[in-house]
Each structure stands twice: as structure tokens, then as C-alpha cells.
Amino acid sequence: MSNKDQEMKEEAPVAIEDLSNPVVVDSYNAAGIIANNAIKHVISKCVVGALIVDICQYGDDFIEAEAAKTFTKRKNLEKGIAFPTCVSVNNCVGHFSPLKGNTRALKQGDIVKIDLGCHIDGYIAVGAHTIIIGNTSAESMTGKVADAICAAHYALEAALRMIRPGKTSNEVTQVIEKISDMYGVTSVSGILSHELKRFIIDGEKVIFSKNEPSQKIQTYEFQENEVYCIDIVMSTGEGKAREEADRPTIYRRNLDSTYKLKSKASRDFKDQIVKRYSALPFPLRNFDEKVSKLGLVELVEHQVLAAYPVLFDRSGCEVVQFKTTVLVLPNGNHKLIGTEFPLPFVRSEFSVTDDAIKALIASPLKINKKAAKKAAATTDVKMQ
């Protein structure tokens, strides 16, 4: 493609907002590249003694700087952070992105979950990866943490291949449950994989990680040209996430709110948020602390902002996470994030024992249309 063709493509208005539009696909791919590289760079910063707040700030700054270099011909294009960099350690399930001045640092042996996202024009790529501080091939980890990492990895790979037209969300849930049972670990309650749409990070179509009696679960059939965030979080403990002492530091606007703010401080803070983060989650760390403190209470109390609470499993257990974004294209699925990340050095005594699931995980994401029927027959997972 010539430079002129590329410029015309960048300047083209986006009318159709799904994957049938090549400009939309390009936007997702560009966001995926940035998020991928951000996770790689954040991993390099995760060393013994590193302050978590510095790592999170580095990840956010990287995303903003790289996004600014893309699609420069399209004027007034929103791009940047789709989900702030979080570094959640050990039994912390997620959303730990501390404020300036926090002194928590990484230690040898910490189980670290890096979670972040980028968007280009509202088209979102989010991903997460788990590392172990100080982990080397010479000292492969065994035990429950190794079991959880293997289970989460294979559950993600299986889900990636099941999100295809003709399959349903409940079928994916059943496969995730089967894999967690094979490894003797637990999917964390309340973790959902969402459909992604333009400027919508938590779409209505969801995939549960496990079936629970207390949950009302609606089943969806997948369609071509949809986009999903697949979020797999496994625990060596009971898998029940709860809030502890850490207060939320990540928020997003509730676009349905019609409440008229009374406080000038609240109105001023909301104006700042709208200018920088019109619809997607943001970290309080990126605002002046005095301004955010004065304005936050009324915004949260009247649901103008929604919080992402910092969640923990019980003390003594470990939580691992793998997350990616998948494009459901006519010729197969495209995994945007995590294709190049090395897995931690672990060794589990367990394995995937179901032949249908093993065949599913081994199958390619891109399927030759002529071989589609044959591939479906060999990789179909029969539910009991």
C-alpha cells in the first residue's frame, strides 16, 4: 500500500462499527499492538524492589505515548488508555493501581498479574498476563500455583477457539469449568468475559467462568464480526473475591446518569474527566489528588462514576490471570494480545485429560473454509 493510500485509509470516516469494516479491524489491530507492547515493557519493569505505583504509571504513559503516534491523519480521534495498568499481587484478584505515594514493592516469588488496555477511536484491546518474580527455568514452580497457571492458560486457549458462530456462551463456561476441575483449582466468582463494542468495555453479552446457583445466567450464541474480551482468573483457594482495606482507584463514567451535581468541585472534576476519558475507565492517579478528593464523593454517591473495587481472595491463596481480546472473523478468530508472552516456568502433575478438549486446544485459530466441516467434527466438544 502506498503512503497516499494509507493516508486516505486513516482519514476515512467510520460508518459501520463492526469487523465488516476494514477501518475498524485496523483500529483493533493497532490497539492490540500497543497493548501487547505495553505488557511486554511492564513485565521488564517487574523486578524485586520495584514500586507498584511506578510500574503502573509507566504502563499508562507507554500506552498514551504509543497511541499518540497512530492514525495521526484522523483529526480529533480519541485514543489511549482503555483500562489503566494494574499490577495485582498474590491473593489480590485485580484492579490494584495505586495512587502516588504508595510504597508497596514487589518481592521475590510474588505472583504478579499485569492487566491493561488500549483503544483507538473507542475500539478496545485489553489483556492480562501472569508472571512470577524471580522465576527461572532452573527452578520451575510446582504445586497449586503451577496447577492454576496451567488451568488458566489452557482455559483461555480453549475459550478462544469456542467463540465461533454456532457455539454458545454456556458451552464456553462448561469447558472452563472442566479444565479447572482437571487441575484441582477454582475459577474466581464474578469474573466475566464481555463482548466489546466501540467505547463499551463491558457489553451486555457475557461469558461466566463458572455456573453458580445464585447467578441468573443468560445464554448467547456467538456471531461473526463480534469482539470479546476473554478473562480467565483462577485461584488456589476458594475463589471468592471480596473487598478489603484498599479503596478503589479506577473509575469510569456512568453515561446514563442524569444527576445534576451540586458541588463546584464535583462539576470541575467531572469536566476534567470528560476531557481526558470520555467513556472508558481511568485511574485517579492521573489527576491532581486535591481535585479528585474534593470532587469524588458526590460523583460516586450519586452514581455519576462507577468504581472498580480492589478485590482479594482469602489470605494465603494465590490468584493467576490470563486475558486477551479476540476478533471473531469470517475466516477464524484473531487473538490480539498474548501471542508472544512466555509462560512462567511451572510444572503441574495434572493435565487436560478430555480428548475433545485436547483436540480443541490443538486446533488452529484460522480455519480453511474448505476444511471447516472436518475441523468442526474433530474439535467439537460434547457437553454432558
Protein backbone atom coordinates (compact mmCIF):
# COMPACT_ATOMS: atom_id res chain seq x y z
CA MET A 1 0.00 0.00 0.00
CA SER A 2 1.37 3.44 -0.93
CA ASN A 3 1.74 6.24 1.61
CA LYS A 4 -1.11 8.09 -0.11
CA ASP A 5 -3.41 5.06 0.15
CA GLN A 6 -2.53 4.71 3.84
CA GLU A 7 -3.29 8.38 4.48
CA MET A 8 -6.67 8.06 2.73
CA LYS A 9 -7.43 5.00 4.83
CA GLU A 10 -6.53 6.83 8.04
CA GLU A 11 -8.72 9.78 7.10
CA ALA A 12 -11.73 7.65 6.12
CA PRO A 13 -14.77 8.15 8.37
CA VAL A 14 -16.03 5.09 10.23
CA ALA A 15 -19.70 4.41 9.45
CA ILE A 16 -20.00 0.68 10.20
CA GLU A 17 -18.70 -0.05 13.70
CA ASP A 18 -18.18 -3.81 13.48
CA LEU A 19 -15.48 -6.02 11.95
CA SER A 20 -17.07 -5.97 8.49
CA ASN A 21 -15.41 -2.54 8.17
CA PRO A 22 -11.63 -2.84 7.47
CA VAL A 23 -11.00 0.50 9.22
CA VAL A 24 -12.48 -0.96 12.41
CA VAL A 25 -10.29 -4.06 12.12
CA ASP A 26 -7.24 -1.83 11.65
CA SER A 27 -8.17 0.13 14.78
CA TYR A 28 -8.47 -3.04 16.85
CA ASN A 29 -5.17 -4.34 15.49
CA ALA A 30 -3.40 -1.06 16.26
CA ALA A 31 -4.77 -1.05 19.81
CA GLY A 32 -3.74 -4.70 20.20
CA ILE A 33 -0.16 -4.00 19.13
CA ILE A 34 0.14 -1.16 21.66
CA ALA A 35 -1.40 -3.19 24.50
CA ASN A 36 0.85 -6.15 23.66
CA ASN A 37 3.96 -4.00 23.72
CA ALA A 38 2.82 -2.26 26.90
CA ILE A 39 2.53 -5.59 28.73
CA LYS A 40 5.98 -6.62 27.46
CA HIS A 41 7.53 -3.38 28.73
CA VAL A 42 5.68 -3.58 32.05
CA ILE A 43 6.95 -7.15 32.53
CA SER A 44 10.50 -5.85 32.14
CA LYS A 45 9.88 -3.40 35.00
CA CYS A 46 8.61 -6.10 37.38
CA VAL A 47 11.72 -6.82 39.43
CA VAL A 48 12.43 -7.23 43.13
CA GLY A 49 12.10 -3.88 44.91
CA ALA A 50 10.18 -2.09 42.13
CA LEU A 51 7.34 0.12 43.39
CA ILE A 52 3.99 -0.99 42.01
CA VAL A 53 2.81 2.60 41.55
CA ASP A 54 5.84 3.36 39.35
CA ILE A 55 5.17 0.28 37.22
CA CYS A 56 1.51 1.22 36.74
CA GLN A 57 2.39 4.80 35.82
CA TYR A 58 4.98 3.55 33.35
CA GLY A 59 2.38 1.31 31.67
CA ASP A 60 -0.15 4.13 31.36
CA ASP A 61 2.45 6.55 30.00
CA PHE A 62 3.61 3.96 27.45
CA ILE A 63 0.05 3.42 26.17
CA GLU A 64 -0.63 7.15 25.86
CA ALA A 65 2.67 7.84 24.06
CA GLU A 66 2.32 4.97 21.58
CA ALA A 67 -1.36 5.68 20.86
CA ALA A 68 -0.49 9.30 20.06
CA LYS A 69 1.69 8.09 17.18
CA THR A 70 -1.12 6.20 15.42
CA PHE A 71 -3.73 7.39 12.89
CA THR A 72 -2.31 10.92 13.02
CA LYS A 73 -4.22 11.96 9.87
CA ARG A 74 -7.60 11.46 11.55
CA LYS A 75 -8.39 14.67 13.39
CA ASN A 76 -9.90 14.70 16.89
CA LEU A 77 -9.52 10.94 17.16
CA GLU A 78 -9.82 9.66 20.73
CA LYS A 79 -7.16 7.11 21.63
CA GLY A 80 -5.17 5.99 24.61
CA ILE A 81 -5.94 4.08 27.80
CA ALA A 82 -8.91 1.70 27.63
CA PHE A 83 -8.13 0.22 31.04
CA PRO A 84 -5.45 1.54 33.41
CA THR A 85 -2.38 -0.54 34.15
CA CYS A 86 -2.98 -2.77 37.17
CA VAL A 87 -0.35 -4.83 38.97
CA SER A 88 -2.15 -7.18 41.36
CA VAL A 89 -0.01 -9.42 43.55
CA ASN A 90 -0.59 -12.87 45.09
CA ASN A 91 -4.13 -13.11 46.54
CA CYS A 92 -5.21 -9.78 45.00
CA VAL A 93 -7.69 -10.68 42.28
CA GLY A 94 -7.41 -7.41 40.40
CA HIS A 95 -7.79 -3.63 39.95
CA PHE A 96 -4.74 -2.70 42.05
CA SER A 97 -3.44 0.53 40.52
CA PRO A 98 -2.28 2.63 43.48
CA LEU A 99 -2.14 6.37 43.96
CA LYS A 100 1.09 8.36 44.04
CA GLY A 101 2.96 7.92 47.28
CA ASN A 102 2.03 4.26 47.74
CA THR A 103 5.15 2.34 48.85
CA ARG A 104 4.20 -1.26 48.09
CA ALA A 105 7.01 -3.03 46.21
CA LEU A 106 7.48 -6.37 44.50
CA LYS A 107 9.23 -9.22 46.31
CA GLN A 108 10.94 -12.43 45.24
CA GLY A 109 8.36 -15.11 44.46
CA ASP A 110 5.40 -12.74 44.08
CA ILE A 111 2.67 -13.91 41.72
CA VAL A 112 2.07 -10.79 39.61
CA LYS A 113 -0.92 -10.16 37.35
CA ILE A 114 -0.46 -7.35 34.80
CA ASP A 115 -3.75 -6.08 33.36
CA LEU A 116 -4.21 -3.14 30.95
CA GLY A 117 -5.92 -1.96 27.79
CA CYS A 118 -5.61 0.45 24.86
CA HIS A 119 -8.17 1.88 22.47
CA ILE A 120 -8.08 3.59 19.11
CA ASP A 121 -11.26 5.56 18.36
CA GLY A 122 -13.06 3.55 21.04
CA TYR A 123 -12.06 0.14 19.62
CA ILE A 124 -10.65 -1.67 22.62
CA ALA A 125 -7.90 -4.23 23.12
CA VAL A 126 -7.43 -5.47 26.69
CA GLY A 127 -5.13 -8.16 28.01
CA ALA A 128 -3.54 -9.59 31.13
CA HIS A 129 -0.60 -11.86 31.88
CA THR A 130 0.78 -13.54 34.99
CA ILE A 131 4.46 -13.69 35.91
CA ILE A 132 6.38 -14.94 38.95
CA ILE A 133 9.11 -12.65 40.25
CA GLY A 134 12.48 -14.42 40.07
CA ASN A 135 11.06 -17.49 38.31
CA THR A 136 13.62 -19.26 36.06
CA SER A 137 13.83 -22.48 34.06
CA ALA A 138 16.30 -23.81 36.60
CA GLU A 139 13.68 -23.52 39.35
CA SER A 140 10.34 -24.43 37.79
CA MET A 141 7.49 -23.90 40.22
CA THR A 142 5.31 -26.84 41.16
CA GLY A 143 2.25 -27.24 43.37
CA LYS A 144 -1.06 -25.37 43.38
CA VAL A 145 0.24 -22.19 41.73
CA ALA A 146 1.59 -24.25 38.84
CA ASP A 147 -1.76 -26.02 38.59
CA ALA A 148 -3.63 -22.70 38.50
CA ILE A 149 -1.34 -21.24 35.81
CA CYS A 150 -1.73 -24.31 33.59
CA ALA A 151 -5.51 -24.38 34.09
CA ALA A 152 -5.91 -20.68 33.30
CA HIS A 153 -3.69 -20.89 30.21
CA TYR A 154 -5.50 -23.88 28.72
CA ALA A 155 -8.92 -22.48 29.62
CA LEU A 156 -8.06 -19.30 27.71
CA GLU A 157 -6.84 -21.23 24.68
CA ALA A 158 -9.98 -23.41 24.68
CA ALA A 159 -12.31 -20.41 25.04
CA LEU A 160 -10.51 -18.64 22.18
CA ARG A 161 -11.44 -21.47 19.85
CA MET A 162 -15.02 -21.91 21.04
CA ILE A 163 -16.16 -18.34 20.49
CA ARG A 164 -17.41 -19.06 16.98
CA PRO A 165 -20.79 -18.82 15.22
CA GLY A 166 -22.96 -21.76 16.26
CA LYS A 167 -21.38 -22.04 19.71
CA THR A 168 -22.89 -20.56 22.88
CA SER A 169 -21.60 -18.75 25.95
CA ASN A 170 -22.73 -21.58 28.22
CA GLU A 171 -20.67 -24.11 26.23
CA VAL A 172 -17.59 -21.98 26.88
CA THR A 173 -18.42 -21.80 30.59
CA GLN A 174 -18.69 -25.61 30.76
CA VAL A 175 -15.26 -26.09 29.15
CA ILE A 176 -13.64 -23.60 31.55
CA GLU A 177 -15.20 -25.48 34.47
CA LYS A 178 -13.99 -28.83 33.15
CA ILE A 179 -10.42 -27.58 32.83
CA SER A 180 -10.35 -26.01 36.30
CA ASP A 181 -11.66 -29.30 37.74
CA MET A 182 -8.93 -31.27 35.94
CA TYR A 183 -6.27 -29.16 37.67
CA GLY A 184 -7.99 -29.01 41.06
CA VAL A 185 -8.27 -25.21 41.15
CA THR A 186 -11.15 -22.73 41.19
CA SER A 187 -12.35 -20.04 38.83
CA VAL A 188 -12.85 -16.83 40.80
CA SER A 189 -16.53 -16.00 41.27
CA GLY A 190 -17.88 -12.97 39.49
CA ILE A 191 -15.25 -12.86 36.74
CA LEU A 192 -16.96 -12.26 33.41
CA SER A 193 -15.74 -12.23 29.83
CA HIS A 194 -17.54 -9.45 27.95
CA GLU A 195 -18.40 -8.58 24.40
CA LEU A 196 -16.57 -5.39 23.40
CA LYS A 197 -18.06 -2.63 21.30
CA ARG A 198 -16.96 0.87 20.41
CA PHE A 199 -16.33 2.71 23.71
CA ILE A 200 -18.05 -0.16 25.59
CA ILE A 201 -15.71 -2.31 27.67
CA ASP A 202 -18.41 -4.35 29.39
CA GLY A 203 -21.02 -5.23 26.78
CA GLU A 204 -24.29 -7.00 27.57
CA LYS A 205 -23.19 -10.37 26.17
CA VAL A 206 -21.12 -12.10 28.85
CA ILE A 207 -19.43 -15.45 29.46
CA PHE A 208 -19.30 -16.73 33.03
CA SER A 209 -16.22 -18.60 34.24
CA LYS A 210 -18.40 -20.98 36.22
CA ASN A 211 -22.05 -21.73 36.83
CA GLU A 212 -23.28 -20.82 40.28
CA PRO A 213 -26.79 -21.35 41.72
CA SER A 214 -27.05 -17.70 42.82
CA GLN A 215 -26.41 -16.37 39.32
CA LYS A 216 -29.06 -15.84 36.67
CA ILE A 217 -27.19 -16.78 33.51
CA GLN A 218 -28.44 -15.87 30.04
CA THR A 219 -27.01 -17.90 27.17
CA TYR A 220 -25.86 -16.17 23.98
CA GLU A 221 -24.92 -17.58 20.61
CA PHE A 222 -21.79 -16.07 19.08
CA GLN A 223 -21.91 -14.26 15.74
CA GLU A 224 -19.37 -13.29 13.10
CA ASN A 225 -17.79 -9.84 13.43
CA GLU A 226 -18.17 -9.74 17.21
CA VAL A 227 -15.29 -8.91 19.58
CA TYR A 228 -14.79 -10.42 23.04
CA CYS A 229 -12.52 -9.93 26.00
CA ILE A 230 -11.75 -13.38 27.43
CA ASP A 231 -10.79 -13.07 31.10
CA ILE A 232 -9.67 -16.21 32.93
CA VAL A 233 -8.86 -15.86 36.65
CA MET A 234 -8.04 -18.96 38.69
CA SER A 235 -7.37 -19.31 42.43
CA THR A 236 -5.59 -21.90 44.54
CA GLY A 237 -8.17 -21.10 47.24
CA GLU A 238 -11.93 -20.83 47.37
CA GLY A 239 -12.16 -18.30 44.56
CA LYS A 240 -14.41 -15.83 46.37
CA ALA A 241 -13.43 -12.24 45.64
CA ARG A 242 -14.04 -9.60 48.30
CA GLU A 243 -13.04 -6.04 49.11
CA GLU A 244 -10.51 -5.37 51.86
CA ALA A 245 -8.83 -2.18 53.08
CA ASP A 246 -7.69 -0.84 49.70
CA ARG A 247 -10.05 1.73 48.28
CA PRO A 248 -10.93 1.86 44.56
CA THR A 249 -8.63 3.96 42.39
CA ILE A 250 -10.14 3.12 38.99
CA TYR A 251 -13.45 4.59 37.84
CA ARG A 252 -15.49 5.12 34.70
CA ARG A 253 -18.33 7.46 33.85
CA ASN A 254 -21.91 6.24 34.05
CA LEU A 255 -23.13 7.58 30.72
CA ASP A 256 -26.78 7.01 31.71
CA SER A 257 -26.54 9.32 34.72
CA THR A 258 -28.70 12.46 34.58
CA TYR A 259 -27.87 13.69 38.08
CA LYS A 260 -27.06 17.41 38.31
CA LEU A 261 -24.02 17.88 40.50
CA LYS A 262 -24.39 20.39 43.33
CA SER A 263 -20.74 20.96 44.22
CA LYS A 264 -18.49 23.12 42.05
CA ALA A 265 -15.58 20.85 42.93
CA SER A 266 -17.54 17.86 41.63
CA ARG A 267 -18.51 19.66 38.42
CA ASP A 268 -14.92 20.78 37.82
CA PHE A 269 -13.59 17.26 38.39
CA LYS A 270 -16.20 15.77 36.06
CA ASP A 271 -15.23 18.29 33.35
CA GLN A 272 -11.61 17.18 33.63
CA ILE A 273 -12.64 13.54 33.36
CA VAL A 274 -14.80 14.14 30.27
CA LYS A 275 -11.93 15.93 28.50
CA ARG A 276 -9.48 13.08 29.10
CA TYR A 277 -11.58 9.90 29.41
CA SER A 278 -14.98 10.34 27.78
CA ALA A 279 -16.34 6.83 28.35
CA LEU A 280 -13.66 4.33 29.36
CA PRO A 281 -12.07 3.55 32.77
CA PHE A 282 -9.38 5.84 34.15
CA PRO A 283 -7.03 5.95 37.15
CA LEU A 284 -7.39 8.60 39.84
CA ARG A 285 -3.60 8.75 39.87
CA ASN A 286 -3.65 10.76 36.64
CA PHE A 287 -5.46 13.70 38.29
CA ASP A 288 -4.43 16.19 40.93
CA GLU A 289 -5.04 14.47 44.28
CA LYS A 290 -6.70 17.50 45.91
CA VAL A 291 -9.08 17.99 42.98
CA SER A 292 -10.09 14.32 42.88
CA LYS A 293 -10.61 14.11 46.65
CA LEU A 294 -12.91 17.13 46.69
CA GLY A 295 -14.95 16.05 43.68
CA LEU A 296 -15.08 12.28 44.02
CA VAL A 297 -17.54 11.81 46.89
CA GLU A 298 -20.58 13.35 45.19
CA LEU A 299 -19.76 11.72 41.84
CA VAL A 300 -19.67 8.25 43.41
CA GLU A 301 -22.52 8.78 45.86
CA HIS A 302 -24.91 9.70 43.03
CA GLN A 303 -23.55 7.09 40.62
CA VAL A 304 -22.12 9.56 38.15
CA LEU A 305 -18.97 7.44 38.38
CA ALA A 306 -18.76 3.67 38.78
CA ALA A 307 -15.87 2.20 40.78
CA TYR A 308 -13.73 -0.85 40.05
CA PRO A 309 -13.11 -2.21 43.56
CA VAL A 310 -9.78 -3.76 44.50
CA LEU A 311 -10.65 -7.41 45.12
CA PHE A 312 -8.92 -10.17 47.07
CA ASP A 313 -9.30 -13.87 47.66
CA ARG A 314 -8.59 -15.04 51.21
CA SER A 315 -5.10 -14.59 52.63
CA GLY A 316 -2.72 -17.47 51.92
CA CYS A 317 -4.05 -18.40 48.49
CA GLU A 318 -2.71 -17.27 45.12
CA VAL A 319 -4.60 -15.91 42.11
CA VAL A 320 -3.46 -16.05 38.47
CA GLN A 321 -4.91 -14.39 35.37
CA PHE A 322 -4.69 -14.56 31.59
CA LYS A 323 -6.79 -12.26 29.42
CA THR A 324 -6.96 -11.47 25.72
CA THR A 325 -9.15 -9.84 23.10
CA VAL A 326 -10.46 -11.95 20.23
CA LEU A 327 -11.88 -10.83 16.89
CA VAL A 328 -14.50 -13.25 15.53
CA LEU A 329 -13.74 -13.00 11.80
CA PRO A 330 -15.28 -14.98 8.91
CA ASN A 331 -12.06 -16.96 8.34
CA GLY A 332 -11.43 -17.73 12.02
CA ASN A 333 -10.51 -15.98 15.23
CA HIS A 334 -7.74 -13.43 15.69
CA LYS A 335 -6.06 -13.23 19.11
CA LEU A 336 -4.90 -9.66 19.65
CA ILE A 337 -2.91 -9.97 22.88
CA GLY A 338 -0.63 -12.58 24.42
CA THR A 339 0.67 -14.41 21.37
CA GLU A 340 4.32 -13.78 22.27
CA PHE A 341 4.38 -13.74 26.08
CA PRO A 342 6.40 -16.57 27.66
CA LEU A 343 4.53 -18.53 30.28
CA PRO A 344 6.03 -18.80 33.77
CA PHE A 345 8.29 -21.80 34.33
CA VAL A 346 5.89 -24.18 36.06
CA ARG A 347 5.24 -27.90 36.12
CA SER A 348 1.91 -29.43 37.09
CA GLU A 349 1.22 -33.04 37.96
CA PHE A 350 -2.14 -32.67 36.21
CA SER A 351 -3.06 -32.29 32.55
CA VAL A 352 -6.00 -31.90 30.19
CA THR A 353 -7.41 -35.43 30.02
CA ASP A 354 -10.51 -34.87 27.89
CA ASP A 355 -9.67 -35.86 24.29
CA ALA A 356 -12.18 -33.44 22.76
CA ILE A 357 -10.77 -30.50 24.74
CA LYS A 358 -7.20 -31.52 23.86
CA ALA A 359 -8.13 -31.55 20.18
CA LEU A 360 -9.86 -28.19 20.57
CA ILE A 361 -6.79 -26.56 22.14
CA ALA A 362 -4.54 -28.03 19.42
CA SER A 363 -6.73 -26.74 16.60
CA PRO A 364 -5.73 -23.61 14.64
CA LEU A 365 -7.49 -20.31 15.21
CA LYS A 366 -7.67 -19.67 11.48
CA ILE A 367 -9.77 -22.29 9.71
CA ASN A 368 -9.65 -23.02 6.00
CA LYS A 369 -13.26 -22.72 4.84
CA LYS A 370 -12.97 -25.87 2.73
CA ALA A 371 -11.87 -27.79 5.82
CA ALA A 372 -14.34 -26.11 8.19
CA LYS A 373 -16.75 -29.05 8.39
CA LYS A 374 -13.95 -31.51 9.05
CA ALA A 375 -12.37 -29.22 11.67
CA ALA A 376 -15.71 -28.77 13.42
CA ALA A 377 -16.21 -32.52 13.58
CA THR A 378 -12.79 -33.17 15.13
CA THR A 379 -12.79 -30.30 17.61
CA ASP A 380 -16.44 -30.24 18.71
CA VAL A 381 -16.66 -30.59 22.48
CA LYS A 382 -19.63 -32.68 23.50
CA MET A 383 -21.28 -31.43 26.67
CA GLN A 384 -22.67 -33.85 29.17
